[in-house]
C-alpha atoms as a PDB file:
ATOM      1  CA  MET A   1      27.919 173.250 152.498  1.00  0.00           C
ATOM      2  CA  ALA A   2      28.196 176.986 153.131  1.00  0.00           C
ATOM      3  CA  ALA A   3      25.794 179.306 151.362  1.00  0.00           C
ATOM      4  CA  SER A   4      28.627 180.954 149.416  1.00  0.00           C
ATOM      5  CA  SER A   5      29.789 177.535 148.130  1.00  0.00           C
ATOM      6  CA  ARG A   6      26.249 176.667 147.025  1.00  0.00           C
ATOM      7  CA  GLY A   7      26.108 179.933 145.098  1.00  0.00           C
ATOM      8  CA  LYS A   8      29.365 179.123 143.298  1.00  0.00           C
ATOM      9  CA  VAL A   9      28.150 175.621 142.448  1.00  0.00           C
ATOM     10  CA  ARG A  10      24.905 177.037 141.080  1.00  0.00           C
ATOM     11  CA  SER A  11      26.889 179.523 138.966  1.00  0.00           C
ATOM     12  CA  LEU A  12      28.901 176.664 137.479  1.00  0.00           C
ATOM     13  CA  VAL A  13      25.777 174.613 136.833  1.00  0.00           C
ATOM     14  CA  SER A  14      24.128 177.622 135.205  1.00  0.00           C
ATOM     15  CA  LEU A  15      27.185 178.209 133.001  1.00  0.00           C
ATOM     16  CA  SER A  16      27.281 174.526 132.035  1.00  0.00           C
ATOM     17  CA  ARG A  17      23.613 174.554 131.054  1.00  0.00           C
ATOM     18  CA  THR A  18      24.056 177.782 129.110  1.00  0.00           C
ATOM     19  CA  LEU A  19      26.966 176.340 127.172  1.00  0.00           C
ATOM     20  CA  SER A  20      25.203 173.057 126.453  1.00  0.00           C
ATOM     21  CA  THR A  21      21.998 174.705 125.254  1.00  0.00           C
ATOM     22  CA  ASN A  22      23.628 177.247 122.946  1.00  0.00           C
ATOM     23  CA  LYS A  23      22.614 177.033 119.295  1.00  0.00           C
ATOM     24  CA  PRO A  24      24.762 174.952 116.892  1.00  0.00           C
ATOM     25  CA  GLY A  25      27.077 176.999 114.718  1.00  0.00           C
ATOM     26  CA  SER A  26      27.677 179.681 117.297  1.00  0.00           C
ATOM     27  CA  THR A  27      31.180 180.479 118.444  1.00  0.00           C
ATOM     28  CA  ALA A  28      32.679 180.636 121.904  1.00  0.00           C
ATOM     29  CA  GLY A  29      32.326 184.424 121.868  1.00  0.00           C
ATOM     30  CA  ASP A  30      28.545 184.057 121.493  1.00  0.00           C
ATOM     31  CA  TYR A  31      28.117 182.540 124.933  1.00  0.00           C
ATOM     32  CA  PRO A  32      26.499 184.892 127.402  1.00  0.00           C
ATOM     33  CA  PRO A  33      28.435 185.473 130.598  1.00  0.00           C
ATOM     34  CA  PRO A  34      27.384 183.291 133.516  1.00  0.00           C
ATOM     35  CA  ALA A  35      24.565 184.758 135.512  1.00  0.00           C
ATOM     36  CA  GLU A  36      25.349 185.737 139.048  1.00  0.00           C
ATOM     37  CA  VAL A  37      23.332 183.477 141.270  1.00  0.00           C
ATOM     38  CA  PRO A  38      22.741 184.958 144.666  1.00  0.00           C
ATOM     39  CA  ALA A  39      23.272 182.667 147.591  1.00  0.00           C
ATOM     40  CA  SER A  40      19.895 181.503 148.828  1.00  0.00           C
ATOM     41  CA  PRO A  41      19.037 181.041 152.440  1.00  0.00           C
ATOM     42  CA  PRO A  42      19.550 177.472 153.645  1.00  0.00           C
ATOM     43  CA  ASN A  43      15.826 176.544 153.834  1.00  0.00           C
ATOM     44  CA  SER A  44      14.605 178.238 150.652  1.00  0.00           C
ATOM     45  CA  GLU A  45      13.095 176.546 147.601  1.00  0.00           C
ATOM     46  CA  PRO A  46      15.516 175.778 144.746  1.00  0.00           C
ATOM     47  CA  ALA A  47      15.223 177.963 141.655  1.00  0.00           C
ATOM     48  CA  ALA A  48      13.565 176.474 138.579  1.00  0.00           C
ATOM     49  CA  ALA A  49      16.086 174.779 136.309  1.00  0.00           C
ATOM     50  CA  PRO A  50      16.532 176.250 132.841  1.00  0.00           C
ATOM     51  CA  GLN A  51      14.945 174.280 130.028  1.00  0.00           C
ATOM     52  CA  ARG A  52      17.150 171.618 128.478  1.00  0.00           C
ATOM     53  CA  ARG A  53      17.660 171.400 124.749  1.00  0.00           C
ATOM     54  CA  PRO A  54      15.499 168.810 123.000  1.00  0.00           C
ATOM     55  CA  LYS A  55      16.936 165.338 122.624  1.00  0.00           C
ATOM     56  CA  LYS A  56      18.144 164.394 119.163  1.00  0.00           C
ATOM     57  CA  ASP A  57      17.318 161.098 117.546  1.00  0.00           C
ATOM     58  CA  PRO A  58      20.653 159.325 116.964  1.00  0.00           C
ATOM     59  CA  SER A  59      19.117 156.674 114.706  1.00  0.00           C
ATOM     60  CA  GLY A  60      20.097 158.586 111.573  1.00  0.00           C
ATOM     61  CA  CYS A  61      23.769 158.931 112.566  1.00  0.00           C
ATOM     62  CA  SER A  62      26.635 156.501 112.194  1.00  0.00           C
ATOM     63  CA  VAL A  63      30.087 156.124 113.719  1.00  0.00           C
ATOM     64  CA  LEU A  64      32.838 154.100 112.069  1.00  0.00           C
ATOM     65  CA  LEU A  65      35.234 152.165 114.277  1.00  0.00           C
ATOM     66  CA  PHE A  66      38.349 150.694 112.684  1.00  0.00           C
ATOM     67  CA  PRO A  67      40.051 147.595 114.109  1.00  0.00           C
ATOM     68  CA  GLY A  68      43.669 147.247 115.061  1.00  0.00           C
ATOM     69  CA  GLN A  69      46.350 144.598 114.984  1.00  0.00           C
ATOM     70  CA  GLY A  70      44.994 141.191 115.908  1.00  0.00           C
ATOM     71  CA  SER A  71      41.948 141.319 113.666  1.00  0.00           C
ATOM     72  CA  GLN A  72      43.860 139.968 110.660  1.00  0.00           C
ATOM     73  CA  PHE A  73      43.247 136.505 109.178  1.00  0.00           C
ATOM     74  CA  VAL A  74      44.158 134.680 105.989  1.00  0.00           C
ATOM     75  CA  GLY A  75      41.408 135.359 103.472  1.00  0.00           C
ATOM     76  CA  MET A  76      40.671 138.879 104.711  1.00  0.00           C
ATOM     77  CA  GLY A  77      39.518 141.168 101.952  1.00  0.00           C
ATOM     78  CA  ARG A  78      38.402 138.380  99.610  1.00  0.00           C
ATOM     79  CA  GLY A  79      34.807 139.619  99.441  1.00  0.00           C
ATOM     80  CA  LEU A  80      35.883 143.225  98.930  1.00  0.00           C
ATOM     81  CA  LEU A  81      37.706 142.923  95.618  1.00  0.00           C
ATOM     82  CA  LYS A  82      34.564 143.490  93.558  1.00  0.00           C
ATOM     83  CA  TYR A  83      34.092 147.012  94.948  1.00  0.00           C
ATOM     84  CA  PRO A  84      35.500 150.125  93.251  1.00  0.00           C
ATOM     85  CA  ASN A  85      38.989 151.277  94.252  1.00  0.00           C
ATOM     86  CA  VAL A  86      39.818 148.207  96.349  1.00  0.00           C
ATOM     87  CA  LYS A  87      42.289 146.662  93.894  1.00  0.00           C
ATOM     88  CA  GLU A  88      43.862 150.105  93.431  1.00  0.00           C
ATOM     89  CA  MET A  89      44.342 150.411  97.207  1.00  0.00           C
ATOM     90  CA  PHE A  90      46.210 147.125  97.297  1.00  0.00           C
ATOM     91  CA  THR A  91      48.275 148.194  94.257  1.00  0.00           C
ATOM     92  CA  VAL A  92      49.301 151.435  95.991  1.00  0.00           C
ATOM     93  CA  ALA A  93      50.139 149.487  99.142  1.00  0.00           C
ATOM     94  CA  GLN A  94      52.284 147.086  97.113  1.00  0.00           C
ATOM     95  CA  LYS A  95      54.239 150.012  95.609  1.00  0.00           C
ATOM     96  CA  ILE A  96      54.821 151.512  99.064  1.00  0.00           C
ATOM     97  CA  LEU A  97      55.612 148.248 100.840  1.00  0.00           C
ATOM     98  CA  GLY A  98      57.505 146.426  98.109  1.00  0.00           C
ATOM     99  CA  TYR A  99      55.546 143.171  98.425  1.00  0.00           C
ATOM    100  CA  ASP A 100      52.161 141.824  97.336  1.00  0.00           C
ATOM    101  CA  LEU A 101      49.924 142.626 100.310  1.00  0.00           C
ATOM    102  CA  LEU A 102      46.787 141.372  98.560  1.00  0.00           C
ATOM    103  CA  SER A 103      48.297 137.944  97.990  1.00  0.00           C
ATOM    104  CA  LEU A 104      49.440 137.793 101.619  1.00  0.00           C
ATOM    105  CA  CYS A 105      45.938 138.739 102.836  1.00  0.00           C
ATOM    106  CA  LEU A 106      44.196 136.221 100.602  1.00  0.00           C
ATOM    107  CA  GLU A 107      46.590 133.289 100.711  1.00  0.00           C
ATOM    108  CA  GLY A 108      48.947 133.758 103.652  1.00  0.00           C
ATOM    109  CA  PRO A 109      50.957 132.054 104.942  1.00  0.00           C
ATOM    110  CA  GLU A 110      49.376 132.648 108.346  1.00  0.00           C
ATOM    111  CA  ASP A 111      52.691 133.048 110.203  1.00  0.00           C
ATOM    112  CA  GLU A 112      53.771 135.833 107.804  1.00  0.00           C
ATOM    113  CA  LEU A 113      50.434 137.628 108.059  1.00  0.00           C
ATOM    114  CA  GLN A 114      50.672 137.554 111.867  1.00  0.00           C
ATOM    115  CA  LYS A 115      53.954 139.499 111.834  1.00  0.00           C
ATOM    116  CA  THR A 116      53.447 143.136 112.808  1.00  0.00           C
ATOM    117  CA  VAL A 117      55.238 144.372 109.705  1.00  0.00           C
ATOM    118  CA  HIS A 118      52.597 142.616 107.564  1.00  0.00           C
ATOM    119  CA  CYS A 119      49.437 142.594 109.639  1.00  0.00           C
ATOM    120  CA  GLN A 120      49.329 146.353 110.223  1.00  0.00           C
ATOM    121  CA  PRO A 121      49.293 147.236 106.527  1.00  0.00           C
ATOM    122  CA  ALA A 122      46.832 144.377 105.956  1.00  0.00           C
ATOM    123  CA  VAL A 123      44.415 145.671 108.595  1.00  0.00           C
ATOM    124  CA  PHE A 124      44.812 149.264 107.392  1.00  0.00           C
ATOM    125  CA  VAL A 125      44.129 148.559 103.711  1.00  0.00           C
ATOM    126  CA  THR A 126      41.386 146.016 104.341  1.00  0.00           C
ATOM    127  CA  SER A 127      39.627 148.421 106.705  1.00  0.00           C
ATOM    128  CA  LEU A 128      39.522 151.108 104.053  1.00  0.00           C
ATOM    129  CA  ALA A 129      38.420 148.507 101.499  1.00  0.00           C
ATOM    130  CA  ALA A 130      35.517 147.690 103.829  1.00  0.00           C
ATOM    131  CA  VAL A 131      34.562 151.380 103.729  1.00  0.00           C
ATOM    132  CA  GLU A 132      34.335 151.073  99.929  1.00  0.00           C
ATOM    133  CA  ARG A 133      31.909 148.192 100.386  1.00  0.00           C
ATOM    134  CA  LEU A 134      29.862 150.153 102.918  1.00  0.00           C
ATOM    135  CA  ASN A 135      29.777 153.108 100.553  1.00  0.00           C
ATOM    136  CA  GLN A 136      28.356 150.907  97.795  1.00  0.00           C
ATOM    137  CA  GLU A 137      25.867 149.006  99.931  1.00  0.00           C
ATOM    138  CA  ASN A 138      24.794 151.731 102.347  1.00  0.00           C
ATOM    139  CA  PRO A 139      25.995 155.170 101.224  1.00  0.00           C
ATOM    140  CA  LYS A 140      23.750 156.805 103.821  1.00  0.00           C
ATOM    141  CA  ALA A 141      25.961 155.328 106.583  1.00  0.00           C
ATOM    142  CA  ILE A 142      28.959 157.143 105.111  1.00  0.00           C
ATOM    143  CA  GLU A 143      26.982 160.322 104.486  1.00  0.00           C
ATOM    144  CA  MET A 144      25.585 160.395 108.037  1.00  0.00           C
ATOM    145  CA  CYS A 145      28.859 159.491 109.755  1.00  0.00           C
ATOM    146  CA  VAL A 146      29.454 161.858 112.665  1.00  0.00           C
ATOM    147  CA  ALA A 147      32.695 160.329 113.966  1.00  0.00           C
ATOM    148  CA  ALA A 148      35.433 157.850 113.155  1.00  0.00           C
ATOM    149  CA  ALA A 149      37.888 156.218 115.519  1.00  0.00           C
ATOM    150  CA  GLY A 150      40.299 153.352 115.469  1.00  0.00           C
ATOM    151  CA  PHE A 151      42.313 151.127 117.729  1.00  0.00           C
ATOM    152  CA  SER A 152      46.075 151.049 117.121  1.00  0.00           C
ATOM    153  CA  VAL A 153      46.666 150.989 113.344  1.00  0.00           C
ATOM    154  CA  GLY A 154      42.920 151.580 112.964  1.00  0.00           C
ATOM    155  CA  GLU A 155      43.573 155.176 114.016  1.00  0.00           C
ATOM    156  CA  PHE A 156      45.265 155.735 110.661  1.00  0.00           C
ATOM    157  CA  ALA A 157      42.337 154.238 108.773  1.00  0.00           C
ATOM    158  CA  ALA A 158      40.034 156.594 110.705  1.00  0.00           C
ATOM    159  CA  LEU A 159      42.233 159.581 109.794  1.00  0.00           C
ATOM    160  CA  VAL A 160      42.212 158.624 106.122  1.00  0.00           C
ATOM    161  CA  PHE A 161      38.451 158.065 106.175  1.00  0.00           C
ATOM    162  CA  SER A 162      37.905 161.449 107.824  1.00  0.00           C
ATOM    163  CA  GLY A 163      40.049 163.205 105.209  1.00  0.00           C
ATOM    164  CA  ALA A 164      42.767 164.279 107.650  1.00  0.00           C
ATOM    165  CA  MET A 165      45.298 162.493 105.420  1.00  0.00           C
ATOM    166  CA  ASN A 166      45.225 160.620 102.157  1.00  0.00           C
ATOM    167  CA  PHE A 167      45.605 156.878 101.687  1.00  0.00           C
ATOM    168  CA  ALA A 168      49.319 156.911 100.780  1.00  0.00           C
ATOM    169  CA  GLU A 169      50.174 159.211 103.710  1.00  0.00           C
ATOM    170  CA  GLY A 170      48.234 157.041 106.137  1.00  0.00           C
ATOM    171  CA  ARG A 171      49.918 153.896 104.902  1.00  0.00           C
ATOM    172  CA  LYS A 172      53.402 155.442 105.082  1.00  0.00           C
ATOM    173  CA  ILE A 173      52.844 156.876 108.558  1.00  0.00           C
ATOM    174  CA  SER A 174      51.399 153.664 109.986  1.00  0.00           C
ATOM    175  CA  PHE A 175      54.320 151.733 108.480  1.00  0.00           C
ATOM    176  CA  LEU A 176      56.800 154.166 110.058  1.00  0.00           C
ATOM    177  CA  GLU A 177      55.035 153.954 113.433  1.00  0.00           C
ATOM    178  CA  GLU A 178      55.311 150.179 113.305  1.00  0.00           C
ATOM    179  CA  ALA A 179      59.020 150.355 112.455  1.00  0.00           C
ATOM    180  CA  VAL A 180      59.705 152.755 115.326  1.00  0.00           C
ATOM    181  CA  SER A 181      57.770 150.589 117.819  1.00  0.00           C
ATOM    182  CA  GLN A 182      59.787 147.509 116.794  1.00  0.00           C
ATOM    183  CA  ASN A 183      63.061 149.351 117.402  1.00  0.00           C
ATOM    184  CA  SER A 184      62.164 150.708 120.838  1.00  0.00           C
END
C-alpha cells in the first residue's frame, strides 16, 4: 500500500473514532474536522490509537421484537384478557374489521385463523396485548426499551409501541397492506 493511501486510511479511521467517541446529545455540527494525518515512512512505528469510549452495560436495556404472520394459533391471547386495555384493543379491532377477532383468536376455527386476512390482525392485536402484560409484570422493561422491531405485520406493532402511530392507525394500515399484497 502506498504511503499516501495509508495516510488516507488513517484519516478515515481517525474520523470514525472521533465520531464514535463524541458525547451523547451533541449534533453533527459539533464534530471536529478530521485531523490531517501525515503519511509516515514505511518502517516507522504506528501512532498511538485514540482512547475508546467506555463500554456500556447493556443489562439494563431492553429491545422488543414483534412476531409476524405464522405465529398465530387458536387460543392466542387467552392469558392476556385480564390485563388493562386488552379487551378494549380487541373491541377497537372488531369495529375496524367488522368481525369478532377475539372470538376467532380464542376459539378458531383454525383454518379461518390461518387466513392472512385474519391472522395478521390477530398477530398485531395480540402482540400489543402482550405489551400490556409486560407493562404490568415488568414495567422496567418497557421503560428501558431502547428499540422495537417487527417482522412483517410485527413492524406495525413496533410502530404503535414506539408511538409513531396509534393503535387504530396501525391496525388500518396493516389491514390495507395485507389487502394490497393479496391483490398483487
